[in-house]
N, C-alpha and C. Protein backbone atom coordinates (compact mmCIF):
# COMPACT_ATOMS: atom_id res chain seq x y z
N MET A 1 43.26 -86.69 29.00
CA MET A 1 42.38 -87.96 28.56
C MET A 1 40.99 -88.02 28.93
N TRP A 2 40.82 -87.67 30.28
CA TRP A 2 39.53 -87.60 30.97
C TRP A 2 38.46 -86.56 30.27
N ASN A 3 38.94 -85.32 29.83
CA ASN A 3 38.22 -84.39 29.22
C ASN A 3 37.86 -84.98 27.80
N ARG A 4 38.76 -85.59 27.08
CA ARG A 4 38.39 -86.15 25.87
C ARG A 4 37.40 -87.29 25.83
N LEU A 5 37.56 -88.00 26.79
CA LEU A 5 36.51 -89.10 27.18
C LEU A 5 35.08 -88.45 27.33
N ARG A 6 35.13 -87.57 28.21
CA ARG A 6 34.04 -86.75 28.83
C ARG A 6 33.28 -86.28 27.64
N PHE A 7 33.83 -85.50 26.48
CA PHE A 7 33.35 -85.04 25.24
C PHE A 7 32.80 -86.10 24.34
N LEU A 8 33.59 -87.15 24.33
CA LEU A 8 33.12 -88.30 23.40
C LEU A 8 31.98 -89.07 23.90
N LYS A 9 31.50 -88.92 25.22
CA LYS A 9 30.41 -89.45 25.58
C LYS A 9 29.00 -88.66 25.21
N THR A 10 29.28 -87.53 24.73
CA THR A 10 27.94 -86.69 24.29
C THR A 10 27.54 -87.27 23.05
N ASP A 11 26.01 -87.02 22.85
CA ASP A 11 25.27 -87.63 21.92
C ASP A 11 25.98 -87.26 20.61
N PHE A 12 26.39 -85.84 20.41
CA PHE A 12 26.84 -85.29 19.15
C PHE A 12 28.15 -86.14 18.71
N ALA A 13 29.04 -86.37 19.84
CA ALA A 13 30.34 -87.12 19.39
C ALA A 13 30.24 -88.52 19.09
N LYS A 14 29.25 -89.10 19.68
CA LYS A 14 28.91 -90.50 19.37
C LYS A 14 28.51 -90.82 18.07
N HIS A 15 27.73 -89.67 17.57
CA HIS A 15 27.27 -89.80 16.13
C HIS A 15 28.35 -89.47 15.17
N VAL A 16 29.40 -88.48 15.30
CA VAL A 16 30.24 -88.02 14.60
C VAL A 16 31.48 -88.81 14.61
N TYR A 17 32.03 -89.02 15.79
CA TYR A 17 33.30 -89.81 15.89
C TYR A 17 33.09 -91.19 16.20
N LYS A 18 32.82 -91.85 15.17
CA LYS A 18 32.78 -93.28 15.18
C LYS A 18 33.24 -94.10 13.93
N PRO A 19 33.76 -95.19 14.15
CA PRO A 19 34.20 -95.76 15.30
C PRO A 19 35.59 -95.25 15.86
N LEU A 20 35.76 -95.04 17.11
CA LEU A 20 37.07 -94.79 17.61
C LEU A 20 37.95 -95.89 17.69
N CYS A 21 39.14 -95.66 17.76
CA CYS A 21 40.24 -96.70 17.89
C CYS A 21 40.95 -96.33 19.29
N PHE A 22 40.93 -97.20 20.30
CA PHE A 22 41.47 -97.06 21.65
C PHE A 22 42.64 -97.69 21.62
N HIS A 23 43.95 -97.11 21.70
CA HIS A 23 45.15 -97.79 21.91
C HIS A 23 45.47 -97.94 23.26
N LEU A 24 45.56 -99.14 23.62
CA LEU A 24 45.81 -99.48 25.20
C LEU A 24 47.24 -99.74 25.39
N GLN A 25 47.67 -99.51 26.63
CA GLN A 25 48.95 -99.57 26.94
C GLN A 25 49.71 -101.03 26.70
N ASP A 26 48.92 -101.95 26.85
CA ASP A 26 49.44 -103.26 26.36
C ASP A 26 49.55 -103.51 24.87
N GLY A 27 49.14 -102.42 24.02
CA GLY A 27 49.27 -102.72 22.65
C GLY A 27 47.99 -103.07 22.01
N GLU A 28 46.92 -103.41 22.72
CA GLU A 28 45.67 -104.10 22.13
C GLU A 28 44.98 -102.60 21.67
N LYS A 29 44.28 -102.95 20.57
CA LYS A 29 43.46 -101.94 19.97
C LYS A 29 41.96 -102.21 20.30
N VAL A 30 41.10 -101.51 20.68
CA VAL A 30 39.80 -101.70 20.85
C VAL A 30 38.81 -100.50 20.00
N TYR A 31 37.85 -100.98 19.28
CA TYR A 31 36.99 -99.98 18.22
C TYR A 31 35.74 -100.03 18.96
N GLY A 32 35.28 -98.67 19.11
CA GLY A 32 34.11 -98.55 19.58
C GLY A 32 33.57 -96.93 19.86
N VAL A 33 32.70 -96.81 20.63
CA VAL A 33 32.37 -95.56 21.32
C VAL A 33 32.15 -95.58 22.71
N VAL A 34 32.26 -94.31 23.38
CA VAL A 34 32.41 -94.25 24.75
C VAL A 34 30.76 -94.13 25.13
N GLU A 35 30.73 -95.26 26.12
CA GLU A 35 29.24 -95.47 26.55
C GLU A 35 28.91 -94.73 27.88
N GLU A 36 29.99 -94.93 28.90
CA GLU A 36 29.82 -94.44 30.04
C GLU A 36 31.32 -94.06 30.68
N ILE A 37 31.33 -92.94 31.46
CA ILE A 37 32.74 -92.68 32.10
C ILE A 37 32.47 -92.51 33.43
N ASN A 38 33.40 -92.96 34.26
CA ASN A 38 33.47 -92.90 35.63
C ASN A 38 34.78 -92.17 36.05
N PRO A 39 34.98 -91.84 37.32
CA PRO A 39 36.22 -91.06 37.65
C PRO A 39 37.50 -91.97 37.18
N ASP A 40 37.46 -93.17 37.37
CA ASP A 40 38.64 -94.11 37.08
C ASP A 40 38.63 -95.07 35.97
N SER A 41 37.46 -95.09 35.40
CA SER A 41 37.12 -95.96 34.28
C SER A 41 36.13 -95.60 33.38
N VAL A 42 36.25 -96.29 32.14
CA VAL A 42 35.30 -95.93 30.98
C VAL A 42 34.80 -97.12 30.27
N GLN A 43 33.43 -96.97 30.05
CA GLN A 43 32.74 -98.21 29.44
C GLN A 43 32.74 -97.77 27.98
N ILE A 44 33.13 -99.04 26.98
CA ILE A 44 33.18 -98.76 25.74
C ILE A 44 32.31 -99.65 24.89
N LYS A 45 31.42 -99.21 24.16
CA LYS A 45 30.51 -100.08 23.36
C LYS A 45 31.19 -100.38 22.09
N LEU A 46 31.55 -101.59 21.99
CA LEU A 46 32.30 -102.06 20.74
C LEU A 46 31.33 -102.17 19.73
N THR A 47 32.25 -102.31 18.45
CA THR A 47 31.49 -102.33 17.01
C THR A 47 30.43 -103.56 17.12
N ASP A 48 30.68 -104.45 17.87
CA ASP A 48 29.78 -105.63 17.80
C ASP A 48 28.52 -105.57 18.70
N GLY A 49 28.54 -104.44 19.60
CA GLY A 49 27.50 -104.19 20.27
C GLY A 49 27.84 -104.51 21.83
N GLU A 50 29.04 -105.22 22.17
CA GLU A 50 29.34 -105.56 23.49
C GLU A 50 29.96 -104.41 24.15
N ILE A 51 29.73 -104.29 25.58
CA ILE A 51 30.01 -103.31 26.31
C ILE A 51 31.29 -103.74 27.22
N THR A 52 32.40 -103.18 27.21
CA THR A 52 33.53 -103.61 28.10
C THR A 52 34.01 -102.23 28.83
N ALA A 53 34.57 -102.53 29.83
CA ALA A 53 35.28 -101.38 30.80
C ALA A 53 36.76 -101.48 30.92
N PHE A 54 37.34 -100.37 30.75
CA PHE A 54 38.74 -100.11 30.91
C PHE A 54 39.18 -99.10 32.10
N GLU A 55 40.24 -99.20 32.68
CA GLU A 55 40.71 -98.08 33.33
C GLU A 55 41.14 -96.96 32.53
N ILE A 56 40.84 -95.69 32.81
CA ILE A 56 41.29 -94.70 32.11
C ILE A 56 42.81 -94.59 31.72
N LYS A 57 43.66 -94.94 32.79
CA LYS A 57 44.98 -95.00 32.65
C LYS A 57 45.64 -96.01 31.76
N GLU A 58 44.70 -97.12 31.25
CA GLU A 58 45.15 -98.09 30.44
C GLU A 58 45.15 -97.57 28.93
N ILE A 59 44.51 -96.35 28.78
CA ILE A 59 44.12 -96.00 27.43
C ILE A 59 45.33 -95.11 27.10
N GLN A 60 46.17 -95.51 26.08
CA GLN A 60 47.24 -94.55 25.75
C GLN A 60 47.05 -93.55 24.69
N GLU A 61 46.08 -93.85 23.83
CA GLU A 61 45.66 -92.85 22.94
C GLU A 61 44.40 -93.22 22.37
N ILE A 62 43.71 -92.21 21.76
CA ILE A 62 42.51 -92.32 21.09
C ILE A 62 42.89 -92.05 19.62
N TRP A 63 42.27 -92.60 18.67
CA TRP A 63 42.53 -92.49 17.14
C TRP A 63 41.24 -92.51 16.50
N TRP A 64 41.05 -91.64 15.43
CA TRP A 64 39.77 -91.67 14.58
C TRP A 64 40.19 -91.45 13.22
N ARG A 65 39.81 -92.06 12.29
CA ARG A 65 40.12 -91.94 10.86
C ARG A 65 41.48 -92.03 10.60
N GLY A 66 42.15 -92.85 11.41
CA GLY A 66 43.75 -92.96 11.00
C GLY A 66 44.43 -91.73 11.68
N LYS A 67 43.99 -90.97 12.45
CA LYS A 67 44.77 -89.95 13.12
C LYS A 67 44.42 -89.87 14.57
N ILE A 68 45.38 -89.18 15.41
CA ILE A 68 45.20 -89.11 16.65
C ILE A 68 44.02 -88.17 17.04
N LEU A 69 43.10 -88.38 17.78
CA LEU A 69 42.05 -87.43 18.09
C LEU A 69 42.86 -86.28 18.92
N PRO A 70 42.50 -85.01 18.43
CA PRO A 70 43.20 -84.09 18.91
C PRO A 70 42.90 -83.74 20.60
N THR A 71 43.93 -83.31 21.21
CA THR A 71 43.80 -83.32 22.93
C THR A 71 42.90 -82.17 23.30
N ARG A 72 42.73 -81.18 22.34
CA ARG A 72 41.91 -80.04 22.77
C ARG A 72 40.46 -80.28 22.16
N MET A 73 39.72 -80.81 23.06
CA MET A 73 38.17 -81.03 22.57
C MET A 73 37.23 -80.34 23.65
């Protein structure tokens, strides 16, 4: 997961892979792009412009265009 998030933080990925859908462990779905990544957490810029942080372990899966984003990125 950390490697995918690190890739998604790049300018290229922010431009191409948007919006992403982050499926969280509690069933919540969050839409946005990776703004910042830390060893244990990630900041996501939501589609409304708000920035929110989640622990990486809270993210169950990342989806883009209705499909799971490949693990090999």
